[in-house]
Amino acid sequence: MEKKMKSLRQMETKRHFLSFNIAGFSYHDGCEVFDQLKIGSPLRLIRDEDNRHDPNAVAVFFGDTWLGFVPRQKNSDLALFLDMGYEDLFAARIQQLDPQAHPEQQVGVVVFLKKAKA
């Protein structure tokens, strides 16, 4: 009997959800840890419900260091999921680093939607 091969879709563990450069990087603590940042480093996304400038604000952290925010034009869907308690659905990683770029363009982030465990 021939074993059936899993489809690529079945083997997939995550799917691209969102990519962005960290907004406000020059206003937070990223410069203190920039030399520790690496492509693939995990990041935490934390909802900032009390942000008076953006009702959908989502902060980006490397460990305990606040790097900045998901840009306003890209945060509404992510904020909704986080508000509803689905933070475990996402995995955020550093995708790009450019120390020579303007601070708002130095750190690129990719957010993946993780596959639900069966």
PDB file of N, CA and C in Angstrom:
ATOM      1  N   MET A   1       0.830  -1.179   0.000  1.00  0.00           N
ATOM      2  CA  MET A   1       0.000   0.000   0.000  1.00  0.00           C
ATOM      3  C   MET A   1       0.886   1.258   0.000  1.00  0.00           C
ATOM      4  N   GLU A   2       0.534   2.186  -0.803  1.00  0.00           N
ATOM      5  CA  GLU A   2       1.326   3.395  -0.983  1.00  0.00           C
ATOM      6  C   GLU A   2       0.966   4.446   0.070  1.00  0.00           C
ATOM      7  N   LYS A   3       2.008   4.981   0.723  1.00  0.00           N
ATOM      8  CA  LYS A   3       1.754   6.043   1.706  1.00  0.00           C
ATOM      9  C   LYS A   3       1.412   7.323   0.976  1.00  0.00           C
ATOM     10  N   LYS A   4       0.411   8.015   1.471  1.00  0.00           N
ATOM     11  CA  LYS A   4       0.056   9.298   0.870  1.00  0.00           C
ATOM     12  C   LYS A   4       0.957  10.375   1.445  1.00  0.00           C
ATOM     13  N   MET A   5       1.471  11.203   0.577  1.00  0.00           N
ATOM     14  CA  MET A   5       2.322  12.309   1.000  1.00  0.00           C
ATOM     15  C   MET A   5       1.440  13.478   1.427  1.00  0.00           C
ATOM     16  N   LYS A   6       1.826  14.122   2.507  1.00  0.00           N
ATOM     17  CA  LYS A   6       1.082  15.297   2.967  1.00  0.00           C
ATOM     18  C   LYS A   6       1.234  16.419   1.958  1.00  0.00           C
ATOM     19  N   SER A   7       0.190  17.189   1.804  1.00  0.00           N
ATOM     20  CA  SER A   7       0.286  18.348   0.915  1.00  0.00           C
ATOM     21  C   SER A   7       1.128  19.422   1.597  1.00  0.00           C
ATOM     22  N   LEU A   8       1.651  20.336   0.814  1.00  0.00           N
ATOM     23  CA  LEU A   8       2.432  21.439   1.377  1.00  0.00           C
ATOM     24  C   LEU A   8       1.598  22.218   2.385  1.00  0.00           C
ATOM     25  N   ARG A   9       0.336  22.401   2.090  1.00  0.00           N
ATOM     26  CA  ARG A   9      -0.560  23.146   2.986  1.00  0.00           C
ATOM     27  C   ARG A   9      -0.682  22.440   4.341  1.00  0.00           C
ATOM     28  N   GLN A  10      -0.703  21.112   4.345  1.00  0.00           N
ATOM     29  CA  GLN A  10      -0.805  20.359   5.595  1.00  0.00           C
ATOM     30  C   GLN A  10       0.484  20.442   6.400  1.00  0.00           C
ATOM     31  N   MET A  11       1.616  20.560   5.725  1.00  0.00           N
ATOM     32  CA  MET A  11       2.906  20.625   6.410  1.00  0.00           C
ATOM     33  C   MET A  11       3.210  22.036   6.926  1.00  0.00           C
ATOM     34  N   GLU A  12       2.517  23.006   6.412  1.00  0.00           N
ATOM     35  CA  GLU A  12       2.751  24.401   6.784  1.00  0.00           C
ATOM     36  C   GLU A  12       2.489  24.617   8.277  1.00  0.00           C
ATOM     37  N   THR A  13       3.409  25.290   8.966  1.00  0.00           N
ATOM     38  CA  THR A  13       3.238  25.558  10.397  1.00  0.00           C
ATOM     39  C   THR A  13       2.909  27.018  10.684  1.00  0.00           C
ATOM     40  N   LYS A  14       3.133  27.867   9.678  1.00  0.00           N
ATOM     41  CA  LYS A  14       2.835  29.283   9.850  1.00  0.00           C
ATOM     42  C   LYS A  14       2.611  29.896   8.477  1.00  0.00           C
ATOM     43  N   ARG A  15       1.957  31.056   8.483  1.00  0.00           N
ATOM     44  CA  ARG A  15       1.705  31.766   7.239  1.00  0.00           C
ATOM     45  C   ARG A  15       1.905  33.257   7.469  1.00  0.00           C
ATOM     46  N   HIS A  16       2.451  33.928   6.466  1.00  0.00           N
ATOM     47  CA  HIS A  16       2.691  35.370   6.555  1.00  0.00           C
ATOM     48  C   HIS A  16       1.379  36.106   6.835  1.00  0.00           C
ATOM     49  N   PHE A  17       1.425  37.007   7.804  1.00  0.00           N
ATOM     50  CA  PHE A  17       0.260  37.819   8.145  1.00  0.00           C
ATOM     51  C   PHE A  17       0.516  39.291   7.863  1.00  0.00           C
ATOM     52  N   LEU A  18       1.725  39.774   8.201  1.00  0.00           N
ATOM     53  CA  LEU A  18       1.984  41.204   8.153  1.00  0.00           C
ATOM     54  C   LEU A  18       3.486  41.458   8.147  1.00  0.00           C
ATOM     55  N   SER A  19       3.924  42.475   7.414  1.00  0.00           N
ATOM     56  CA  SER A  19       5.314  42.934   7.447  1.00  0.00           C
ATOM     57  C   SER A  19       5.312  44.451   7.611  1.00  0.00           C
ATOM     58  N   PHE A  20       6.310  44.970   8.334  1.00  0.00           N
ATOM     59  CA  PHE A  20       6.382  46.413   8.553  1.00  0.00           C
ATOM     60  C   PHE A  20       7.749  46.791   9.099  1.00  0.00           C
ATOM     61  N   ASN A  21       8.066  48.075   9.032  1.00  0.00           N
ATOM     62  CA  ASN A  21       9.201  48.641   9.744  1.00  0.00           C
ATOM     63  C   ASN A  21       8.669  49.224  11.039  1.00  0.00           C
ATOM     64  N   ILE A  22       9.425  49.091  12.094  1.00  0.00           N
ATOM     65  CA  ILE A  22       8.978  49.553  13.407  1.00  0.00           C
ATOM     66  C   ILE A  22       8.839  51.075  13.418  1.00  0.00           C
ATOM     67  N   ALA A  23       7.661  51.538  13.778  1.00  0.00           N
ATOM     68  CA  ALA A  23       7.382  52.968  13.885  1.00  0.00           C
ATOM     69  C   ALA A  23       7.821  53.462  15.258  1.00  0.00           C
ATOM     70  N   GLY A  24       8.368  54.659  15.307  1.00  0.00           N
ATOM     71  CA  GLY A  24       8.777  55.250  16.576  1.00  0.00           C
ATOM     72  C   GLY A  24      10.053  54.681  17.137  1.00  0.00           C
ATOM     73  N   PHE A  25      10.823  53.972  16.328  1.00  0.00           N
ATOM     74  CA  PHE A  25      12.052  53.332  16.807  1.00  0.00           C
ATOM     75  C   PHE A  25      12.998  54.342  17.448  1.00  0.00           C
ATOM     76  N   SER A  26      13.087  55.534  16.902  1.00  0.00           N
ATOM     77  CA  SER A  26      14.020  56.540  17.432  1.00  0.00           C
ATOM     78  C   SER A  26      13.544  57.141  18.756  1.00  0.00           C
ATOM     79  N   TYR A  27      12.297  56.884  19.157  1.00  0.00           N
ATOM     80  CA  TYR A  27      11.756  57.457  20.393  1.00  0.00           C
ATOM     81  C   TYR A  27      11.788  56.484  21.565  1.00  0.00           C
ATOM     82  N   HIS A  28      12.174  55.250  21.307  1.00  0.00           N
ATOM     83  CA  HIS A  28      12.148  54.242  22.363  1.00  0.00           C
ATOM     84  C   HIS A  28      13.550  53.707  22.603  1.00  0.00           C
ATOM     85  N   ASP A  29      13.692  52.487  23.082  1.00  0.00           N
ATOM     86  CA  ASP A  29      14.980  51.993  23.579  1.00  0.00           C
ATOM     87  C   ASP A  29      15.744  51.087  22.621  1.00  0.00           C
ATOM     88  N   GLY A  30      15.371  51.084  21.351  1.00  0.00           N
ATOM     89  CA  GLY A  30      16.002  50.196  20.387  1.00  0.00           C
ATOM     90  C   GLY A  30      17.493  50.401  20.234  1.00  0.00           C
ATOM     91  N   CYS A  31      17.943  51.651  20.325  1.00  0.00           N
ATOM     92  CA  CYS A  31      19.377  51.909  20.154  1.00  0.00           C
ATOM     93  C   CYS A  31      20.201  51.241  21.258  1.00  0.00           C
ATOM     94  N   GLU A  32      19.600  50.990  22.413  1.00  0.00           N
ATOM     95  CA  GLU A  32      20.319  50.357  23.524  1.00  0.00           C
ATOM     96  C   GLU A  32      20.586  48.867  23.284  1.00  0.00           C
ATOM     97  N   VAL A  33      19.777  48.248  22.413  1.00  0.00           N
ATOM     98  CA  VAL A  33      19.921  46.811  22.168  1.00  0.00           C
ATOM     99  C   VAL A  33      20.177  46.487  20.705  1.00  0.00           C
ATOM    100  N   PHE A  34      20.388  47.510  19.881  1.00  0.00           N
ATOM    101  CA  PHE A  34      20.520  47.280  18.435  1.00  0.00           C
ATOM    102  C   PHE A  34      21.579  46.228  18.119  1.00  0.00           C
ATOM    103  N   ASP A  35      22.693  46.248  18.830  1.00  0.00           N
ATOM    104  CA  ASP A  35      23.762  45.275  18.559  1.00  0.00           C
ATOM    105  C   ASP A  35      23.379  43.848  18.940  1.00  0.00           C
ATOM    106  N   GLN A  36      22.297  43.672  19.703  1.00  0.00           N
ATOM    107  CA  GLN A  36      21.818  42.337  20.076  1.00  0.00           C
ATOM    108  C   GLN A  36      20.775  41.802  19.090  1.00  0.00           C
ATOM    109  N   LEU A  37      20.218  42.681  18.271  1.00  0.00           N
ATOM    110  CA  LEU A  37      19.180  42.277  17.322  1.00  0.00           C
ATOM    111  C   LEU A  37      19.798  41.484  16.179  1.00  0.00           C
ATOM    112  N   LYS A  38      19.129  40.414  15.802  1.00  0.00           N
ATOM    113  CA  LYS A  38      19.581  39.548  14.710  1.00  0.00           C
ATOM    114  C   LYS A  38      18.372  39.196  13.843  1.00  0.00           C
ATOM    115  N   ILE A  39      18.634  38.903  12.571  1.00  0.00           N
ATOM    116  CA  ILE A  39      17.574  38.411  11.703  1.00  0.00           C
ATOM    117  C   ILE A  39      17.010  37.137  12.345  1.00  0.00           C
ATOM    118  N   GLY A  40      15.700  37.076  12.479  1.00  0.00           N
ATOM    119  CA  GLY A  40      15.054  35.908  13.084  1.00  0.00           C
ATOM    120  C   GLY A  40      14.812  36.037  14.572  1.00  0.00           C
ATOM    121  N   SER A  41      15.360  37.075  15.215  1.00  0.00           N
ATOM    122  CA  SER A  41      15.126  37.251  16.662  1.00  0.00           C
ATOM    123  C   SER A  41      13.632  37.386  16.935  1.00  0.00           C
ATOM    124  N   PRO A  42      13.134  36.688  17.958  1.00  0.00           N
ATOM    125  CA  PRO A  42      11.710  36.797  18.287  1.00  0.00           C
ATOM    126  C   PRO A  42      11.388  38.145  18.938  1.00  0.00           C
ATOM    127  N   LEU A  43      10.194  38.630  18.641  1.00  0.00           N
ATOM    128  CA  LEU A  43       9.693  39.877  19.208  1.00  0.00           C
ATOM    129  C   LEU A  43       8.339  39.604  19.845  1.00  0.00           C
ATOM    130  N   ARG A  44       7.980  40.460  20.799  1.00  0.00           N
ATOM    131  CA  ARG A  44       6.654  40.369  21.423  1.00  0.00           C
ATOM    132  C   ARG A  44       5.806  41.535  20.963  1.00  0.00           C
ATOM    133  N   LEU A  45       4.529  41.258  20.720  1.00  0.00           N
ATOM    134  CA  LEU A  45       3.564  42.280  20.343  1.00  0.00           C
ATOM    135  C   LEU A  45       2.608  42.463  21.508  1.00  0.00           C
ATOM    136  N   ILE A  46       2.550  43.688  22.026  1.00  0.00           N
ATOM    137  CA  ILE A  46       1.735  43.959  23.209  1.00  0.00           C
ATOM    138  C   ILE A  46       0.766  45.093  22.899  1.00  0.00           C
ATOM    139  N   ARG A  47      -0.481  44.831  23.131  1.00  0.00           N
ATOM    140  CA  ARG A  47      -1.532  45.821  22.882  1.00  0.00           C
ATOM    141  C   ARG A  47      -1.380  46.980  23.852  1.00  0.00           C
ATOM    142  N   ASP A  48      -1.459  48.207  23.344  1.00  0.00           N
ATOM    143  CA  ASP A  48      -1.366  49.434  24.144  1.00  0.00           C
ATOM    144  C   ASP A  48      -2.711  50.154  24.075  1.00  0.00           C
ATOM    145  N   GLU A  49      -3.694  49.633  24.831  1.00  0.00           N
ATOM    146  CA  GLU A  49      -5.062  50.148  24.779  1.00  0.00           C
ATOM    147  C   GLU A  49      -5.186  51.595  25.222  1.00  0.00           C
ATOM    148  N   ASP A  50      -4.266  52.051  26.055  1.00  0.00           N
ATOM    149  CA  ASP A  50      -4.358  53.401  26.617  1.00  0.00           C
ATOM    150  C   ASP A  50      -3.590  54.444  25.809  1.00  0.00           C
ATOM    151  N   ASN A  51      -3.135  54.086  24.628  1.00  0.00           N
ATOM    152  CA  ASN A  51      -2.370  55.013  23.800  1.00  0.00           C
ATOM    153  C   ASN A  51      -3.285  56.134  23.306  1.00  0.00           C
ATOM    154  N   ARG A  52      -2.977  57.353  23.670  1.00  0.00           N
ATOM    155  CA  ARG A  52      -3.858  58.488  23.319  1.00  0.00           C
ATOM    156  C   ARG A  52      -3.695  58.932  21.865  1.00  0.00           C
ATOM    157  N   HIS A  53      -2.636  58.472  21.192  1.00  0.00           N
ATOM    158  CA  HIS A  53      -2.396  58.862  19.804  1.00  0.00           C
ATOM    159  C   HIS A  53      -2.990  57.884  18.796  1.00  0.00           C
ATOM    160  N   ASP A  54      -3.185  56.631  19.225  1.00  0.00           N
ATOM    161  CA  ASP A  54      -3.668  55.598  18.307  1.00  0.00           C
ATOM    162  C   ASP A  54      -4.480  54.572  19.087  1.00  0.00           C
ATOM    163  N   PRO A  55      -5.786  54.503  18.849  1.00  0.00           N
ATOM    164  CA  PRO A  55      -6.632  53.554  19.593  1.00  0.00           C
ATOM    165  C   PRO A  55      -6.330  52.087  19.280  1.00  0.00           C
ATOM    166  N   ASN A  56      -5.586  51.815  18.202  1.00  0.00           N
ATOM    167  CA  ASN A  56      -5.228  50.443  17.832  1.00  0.00           C
ATOM    168  C   ASN A  56      -3.748  50.153  18.052  1.00  0.00           C
ATOM    169  N   ALA A  57      -3.092  50.923  18.888  1.00  0.00           N
ATOM    170  CA  ALA A  57      -1.640  50.806  19.062  1.00  0.00           C
ATOM    171  C   ALA A  57      -1.225  49.418  19.542  1.00  0.00           C
ATOM    172  N   VAL A  58      -0.163  48.903  18.888  1.00  0.00           N
ATOM    173  CA  VAL A  58       0.450  47.634  19.270  1.00  0.00           C
ATOM    174  C   VAL A  58       1.947  47.895  19.405  1.00  0.00           C
ATOM    175  N   ALA A  59       2.467  47.716  20.606  1.00  0.00           N
ATOM    176  CA  ALA A  59       3.891  47.942  20.876  1.00  0.00           C
ATOM    177  C   ALA A  59       4.695  46.710  20.485  1.00  0.00           C
ATOM    178  N   VAL A  60       5.963  46.947  20.112  1.00  0.00           N
ATOM    179  CA  VAL A  60       6.882  45.884  19.720  1.00  0.00           C
ATOM    180  C   VAL A  60       8.019  45.855  20.729  1.00  0.00           C
ATOM    181  N   PHE A  61       8.248  44.678  21.326  1.00  0.00           N
ATOM    182  CA  PHE A  61       9.294  44.502  22.332  1.00  0.00           C
ATOM    183  C   PHE A  61      10.285  43.431  21.906  1.00  0.00           C
ATOM    184  N   PHE A  62      11.550  43.656  22.240  1.00  0.00           N
ATOM    185  CA  PHE A  62      12.606  42.655  22.139  1.00  0.00           C
ATOM    186  C   PHE A  62      12.970  42.336  23.584  1.00  0.00           C
ATOM    187  N   GLY A  63      12.572  41.163  24.055  1.00  0.00           N
ATOM    188  CA  GLY A  63      12.713  40.873  25.492  1.00  0.00           C
ATOM    189  C   GLY A  63      11.895  41.887  26.261  1.00  0.00           C
ATOM    190  N   ASP A  64      12.546  42.604  27.179  1.00  0.00           N
ATOM    191  CA  ASP A  64      11.859  43.638  27.949  1.00  0.00           C
ATOM    192  C   ASP A  64      12.090  45.039  27.387  1.00  0.00           C
ATOM    193  N   THR A  65      12.732  45.122  26.227  1.00  0.00           N
ATOM    194  CA  THR A  65      13.064  46.420  25.643  1.00  0.00           C
ATOM    195  C   THR A  65      12.020  46.830  24.614  1.00  0.00           C
ATOM    196  N   TRP A  66      11.455  48.002  24.825  1.00  0.00           N
ATOM    197  CA  TRP A  66      10.436  48.559  23.944  1.00  0.00           C
ATOM    198  C   TRP A  66      11.118  49.166  22.734  1.00  0.00           C
ATOM    199  N   LEU A  67      10.820  48.616  21.552  1.00  0.00           N
ATOM    200  CA  LEU A  67      11.441  49.089  20.324  1.00  0.00           C
ATOM    201  C   LEU A  67      10.614  50.145  19.602  1.00  0.00           C
ATOM    202  N   GLY A  68       9.299  50.096  19.729  1.00  0.00           N
ATOM    203  CA  GLY A  68       8.424  51.028  19.016  1.00  0.00           C
ATOM    204  C   GLY A  68       7.064  50.396  18.807  1.00  0.00           C
ATOM    205  N   PHE A  69       6.452  50.686  17.659  1.00  0.00           N
ATOM    206  CA  PHE A  69       5.075  50.261  17.387  1.00  0.00           C
ATOM    207  C   PHE A  69       4.914  49.651  15.999  1.00  0.00           C
ATOM    208  N   VAL A  70       3.863  48.851  15.856  1.00  0.00           N
ATOM    209  CA  VAL A  70       3.369  48.478  14.540  1.00  0.00           C
ATOM    210  C   VAL A  70       2.819  49.773  13.939  1.00  0.00           C
ATOM    211  N   PRO A  71       3.144  50.105  12.702  1.00  0.00           N
ATOM    212  CA  PRO A  71       2.638  51.353  12.120  1.00  0.00           C
ATOM    213  C   PRO A  71       1.112  51.433  12.143  1.00  0.00           C
ATOM    214  N   ARG A  72       0.624  52.630  12.363  1.00  0.00           N
ATOM    215  CA  ARG A  72      -0.818  52.890  12.473  1.00  0.00           C
ATOM    216  C   ARG A  72      -1.610  52.323  11.290  1.00  0.00           C
ATOM    217  N   GLN A  73      -1.100  52.460  10.087  1.00  0.00           N
ATOM    218  CA  GLN A  73      -1.841  52.010   8.908  1.00  0.00           C
ATOM    219  C   GLN A  73      -1.878  50.487   8.767  1.00  0.00           C
ATOM    220  N   LYS A  74      -1.171  49.767   9.649  1.00  0.00           N
ATOM    221  CA  LYS A  74      -1.124  48.301   9.548  1.00  0.00           C
ATOM    222  C   LYS A  74      -1.558  47.587  10.821  1.00  0.00           C
ATOM    223  N   ASN A  75      -2.054  48.291  11.826  1.00  0.00           N
ATOM    224  CA  ASN A  75      -2.255  47.649  13.127  1.00  0.00           C
ATOM    225  C   ASN A  75      -3.689  47.263  13.477  1.00  0.00           C
ATOM    226  N   SER A  76      -4.696  47.675  12.718  1.00  0.00           N
ATOM    227  CA  SER A  76      -6.088  47.488  13.157  1.00  0.00           C
ATOM    228  C   SER A  76      -6.491  46.017  13.279  1.00  0.00           C
ATOM    229  N   ASP A  77      -6.171  45.174  12.292  1.00  0.00           N
ATOM    230  CA  ASP A  77      -6.541  43.756  12.389  1.00  0.00           C
ATOM    231  C   ASP A  77      -5.788  43.069  13.523  1.00  0.00           C
ATOM    232  N   LEU A  78      -4.502  43.366  13.625  1.00  0.00           N
ATOM    233  CA  LEU A  78      -3.692  42.786  14.696  1.00  0.00           C
ATOM    234  C   LEU A  78      -4.229  43.197  16.061  1.00  0.00           C
ATOM    235  N   ALA A  79      -4.567  44.474  16.226  1.00  0.00           N
ATOM    236  CA  ALA A  79      -5.117  44.965  17.491  1.00  0.00           C
ATOM    237  C   ALA A  79      -6.408  44.241  17.854  1.00  0.00           C
ATOM    238  N   LEU A  80      -7.258  44.003  16.877  1.00  0.00           N
ATOM    239  CA  LEU A  80      -8.520  43.297  17.124  1.00  0.00           C
ATOM    240  C   LEU A  80      -8.262  41.888  17.659  1.00  0.00           C
ATOM    241  N   PHE A  81      -7.360  41.144  17.018  1.00  0.00           N
ATOM    242  CA  PHE A  81      -7.035  39.801  17.497  1.00  0.00           C
ATOM    243  C   PHE A  81      -6.447  39.841  18.908  1.00  0.00           C
ATOM    244  N   LEU A  82      -5.540  40.780  19.163  1.00  0.00           N
ATOM    245  CA  LEU A  82      -4.938  40.875  20.496  1.00  0.00           C
ATOM    246  C   LEU A  82      -5.980  41.260  21.538  1.00  0.00           C
ATOM    247  N   ASP A  83      -6.875  42.169  21.189  1.00  0.00           N
ATOM    248  CA  ASP A  83      -7.953  42.565  22.116  1.00  0.00           C
ATOM    249  C   ASP A  83      -8.830  41.380  22.504  1.00  0.00           C
ATOM    250  N   MET A  84      -8.995  40.450  21.587  1.00  0.00           N
ATOM    251  CA  MET A  84      -9.862  39.298  21.830  1.00  0.00           C
ATOM    252  C   MET A  84      -9.107  38.112  22.424  1.00  0.00           C
ATOM    253  N   GLY A  85      -7.841  38.325  22.811  1.00  0.00           N
ATOM    254  CA  GLY A  85      -7.095  37.301  23.530  1.00  0.00           C
ATOM    255  C   GLY A  85      -6.370  36.288  22.663  1.00  0.00           C
ATOM    256  N   TYR A  86      -6.149  36.596  21.397  1.00  0.00           N
ATOM    257  CA  TYR A  86      -5.514  35.651  20.496  1.00  0.00           C
ATOM    258  C   TYR A  86      -4.026  35.915  20.278  1.00  0.00           C
ATOM    259  N   GLU A  87      -3.325  36.400  21.310  1.00  0.00           N
ATOM    260  CA  GLU A  87      -1.900  36.699  21.136  1.00  0.00           C
ATOM    261  C   GLU A  87      -1.070  35.466  20.786  1.00  0.00           C
ATOM    262  N   ASP A  88      -1.520  34.280  21.166  1.00  0.00           N
ATOM    263  CA  ASP A  88      -0.775  33.061  20.860  1.00  0.00           C
ATOM    264  C   ASP A  88      -0.879  32.639  19.388  1.00  0.00           C
ATOM    265  N   LEU A  89      -1.714  33.326  18.618  1.00  0.00           N
ATOM    266  CA  LEU A  89      -1.830  33.031  17.193  1.00  0.00           C
ATOM    267  C   LEU A  89      -0.642  33.540  16.390  1.00  0.00           C
ATOM    268  N   PHE A  90       0.115  34.475  16.961  1.00  0.00           N
ATOM    269  CA  PHE A  90       1.129  35.193  16.197  1.00  0.00           C
ATOM    270  C   PHE A  90       2.550  34.904  16.655  1.00  0.00           C
ATOM    271  N   ALA A  91       3.460  34.927  15.692  1.00  0.00           N
ATOM    272  CA  ALA A  91       4.894  34.866  15.965  1.00  0.00           C
ATOM    273  C   ALA A  91       5.515  36.021  15.191  1.00  0.00           C
ATOM    274  N   ALA A  92       6.181  36.916  15.897  1.00  0.00           N
ATOM    275  CA  ALA A  92       6.831  38.060  15.267  1.00  0.00           C
ATOM    276  C   ALA A  92       8.343  37.860  15.308  1.00  0.00           C
ATOM    277  N   ARG A  93       9.007  38.181  14.211  1.00  0.00           N
ATOM    278  CA  ARG A  93      10.456  38.008  14.090  1.00  0.00           C
ATOM    279  C   ARG A  93      11.057  39.209  13.366  1.00  0.00           C
ATOM    280  N   ILE A  94      12.321  39.477  13.674  1.00  0.00           N
ATOM    281  CA  ILE A  94      13.043  40.492  12.917  1.00  0.00           C
ATOM    282  C   ILE A  94      13.329  39.912  11.536  1.00  0.00           C
ATOM    283  N   GLN A  95      13.001  40.677  10.516  1.00  0.00           N
ATOM    284  CA  GLN A  95      13.164  40.229   9.143  1.00  0.00           C
ATOM    285  C   GLN A  95      14.290  40.974   8.428  1.00  0.00           C
ATOM    286  N   GLN A  96      14.567  42.195   8.871  1.00  0.00           N
ATOM    287  CA  GLN A  96      15.555  43.021   8.190  1.00  0.00           C
ATOM    288  C   GLN A  96      16.168  43.994   9.188  1.00  0.00           C
ATOM    289  N   LEU A  97      17.478  44.206   9.067  1.00  0.00           N
ATOM    290  CA  LEU A  97      18.202  45.187   9.891  1.00  0.00           C
ATOM    291  C   LEU A  97      19.091  46.030   8.981  1.00  0.00           C
ATOM    292  N   ASP A  98      19.037  47.338   9.161  1.00  0.00           N
ATOM    293  CA  ASP A  98      19.877  48.231   8.373  1.00  0.00           C
ATOM    294  C   ASP A  98      20.315  49.401   9.254  1.00  0.00           C
ATOM    295  N   PRO A  99      21.480  49.276   9.900  1.00  0.00           N
ATOM    296  CA  PRO A  99      21.936  50.319  10.816  1.00  0.00           C
ATOM    297  C   PRO A  99      22.221  51.653  10.125  1.00  0.00           C
ATOM    298  N   GLN A 100      22.389  51.652   8.799  1.00  0.00           N
ATOM    299  CA  GLN A 100      22.680  52.887   8.066  1.00  0.00           C
ATOM    300  C   GLN A 100      21.417  53.646   7.664  1.00  0.00           C
ATOM    301  N   ALA A 101      20.267  53.007   7.759  1.00  0.00           N
ATOM    302  CA  ALA A 101      19.003  53.625   7.344  1.00  0.00           C
ATOM    303  C   ALA A 101      18.513  54.626   8.384  1.00  0.00           C
ATOM    304  N   HIS A 102      17.542  55.435   7.989  1.00  0.00           N
ATOM    305  CA  HIS A 102      16.843  56.310   8.931  1.00  0.00           C
ATOM    306  C   HIS A 102      16.276  55.417  10.039  1.00  0.00           C
ATOM    307  N   PRO A 103      16.265  55.878  11.301  1.00  0.00           N
ATOM    308  CA  PRO A 103      15.796  55.027  12.406  1.00  0.00           C
ATOM    309  C   PRO A 103      14.432  54.375  12.178  1.00  0.00           C
ATOM    310  N   GLU A 104      13.534  55.047  11.475  1.00  0.00           N
ATOM    311  CA  GLU A 104      12.206  54.468  11.236  1.00  0.00           C
ATOM    312  C   GLU A 104      12.240  53.352  10.187  1.00  0.00           C
ATOM    313  N   GLN A 105      13.390  53.152   9.556  1.00  0.00           N
ATOM    314  CA  GLN A 105      13.541  52.116   8.529  1.00  0.00           C
ATOM    315  C   GLN A 105      14.590  51.067   8.907  1.00  0.00           C
ATOM    316  N   GLN A 106      15.133  51.149  10.118  1.00  0.00           N
ATOM    317  CA  GLN A 106      16.239  50.273  10.498  1.00  0.00           C
ATOM    318  C   GLN A 106      15.832  48.831  10.790  1.00  0.00           C
ATOM    319  N   VAL A 107      14.628  48.633  11.318  1.00  0.00           N
ATOM    320  CA  VAL A 107      14.228  47.276  11.736  1.00  0.00           C
ATOM    321  C   VAL A 107      12.931  46.878  11.044  1.00  0.00           C
ATOM    322  N   GLY A 108      13.031  45.848  10.201  1.00  0.00           N
ATOM    323  CA  GLY A 108      11.861  45.287   9.550  1.00  0.00           C
ATOM    324  C   GLY A 108      11.379  44.069  10.322  1.00  0.00           C
ATOM    325  N   VAL A 109      10.075  43.920  10.396  1.00  0.00           N
ATOM    326  CA  VAL A 109       9.444  42.842  11.177  1.00  0.00           C
ATOM    327  C   VAL A 109       8.498  42.062  10.281  1.00  0.00           C
ATOM    328  N   VAL A 110       8.456  40.770  10.490  1.00  0.00           N
ATOM    329  CA  VAL A 110       7.454  39.923   9.862  1.00  0.00           C
ATOM    330  C   VAL A 110       6.628  39.288  10.984  1.00  0.00           C
ATOM    331  N   VAL A 111       5.321  39.237  10.777  1.00  0.00           N
ATOM    332  CA  VAL A 111       4.405  38.595  11.730  1.00  0.00           C
ATOM    333  C   VAL A 111       3.762  37.431  11.003  1.00  0.00           C
ATOM    334  N   PHE A 112       3.872  36.263  11.619  1.00  0.00           N
ATOM    335  CA  PHE A 112       3.271  35.051  11.073  1.00  0.00           C
ATOM    336  C   PHE A 112       2.040  34.678  11.883  1.00  0.00           C
ATOM    337  N   LEU A 113       1.086  34.098  11.203  1.00  0.00           N
ATOM    338  CA  LEU A 113      -0.076  33.489  11.836  1.00  0.00           C
ATOM    339  C   LEU A 113       0.297  32.020  12.015  1.00  0.00           C
ATOM    340  N   LYS A 114       0.305  31.538  13.257  1.00  0.00           N
ATOM    341  CA  LYS A 114       0.707  30.157  13.534  1.00  0.00           C
ATOM    342  C   LYS A 114      -0.468  29.208  13.318  1.00  0.00           C
ATOM    343  N   LYS A 115      -0.150  28.032  12.858  1.00  0.00           N
ATOM    344  CA  LYS A 115      -1.166  27.008  12.644  1.00  0.00           C
ATOM    345  C   LYS A 115      -1.671  26.504  13.995  1.00  0.00           C
ATOM    346  N   ALA A 116      -2.978  26.330  14.084  1.00  0.00           N
ATOM    347  CA  ALA A 116      -3.575  25.793  15.313  1.00  0.00           C
ATOM    348  C   ALA A 116      -3.083  24.364  15.528  1.00  0.00           C
ATOM    349  N   LYS A 117      -2.867  24.022  16.771  1.00  0.00           N
ATOM    350  CA  LYS A 117      -2.439  22.662  17.101  1.00  0.00           C
ATOM    351  C   LYS A 117      -3.637  21.730  17.002  1.00  0.00           C
ATOM    352  N   ALA A 118      -3.415  20.588  16.393  1.00  0.00           N
ATOM    353  CA  ALA A 118      -4.511  19.617  16.197  1.00  0.00           C
ATOM    354  C   ALA A 118      -4.808  18.850  17.451  1.00  0.00           C
TER     355      ALA A 118
END
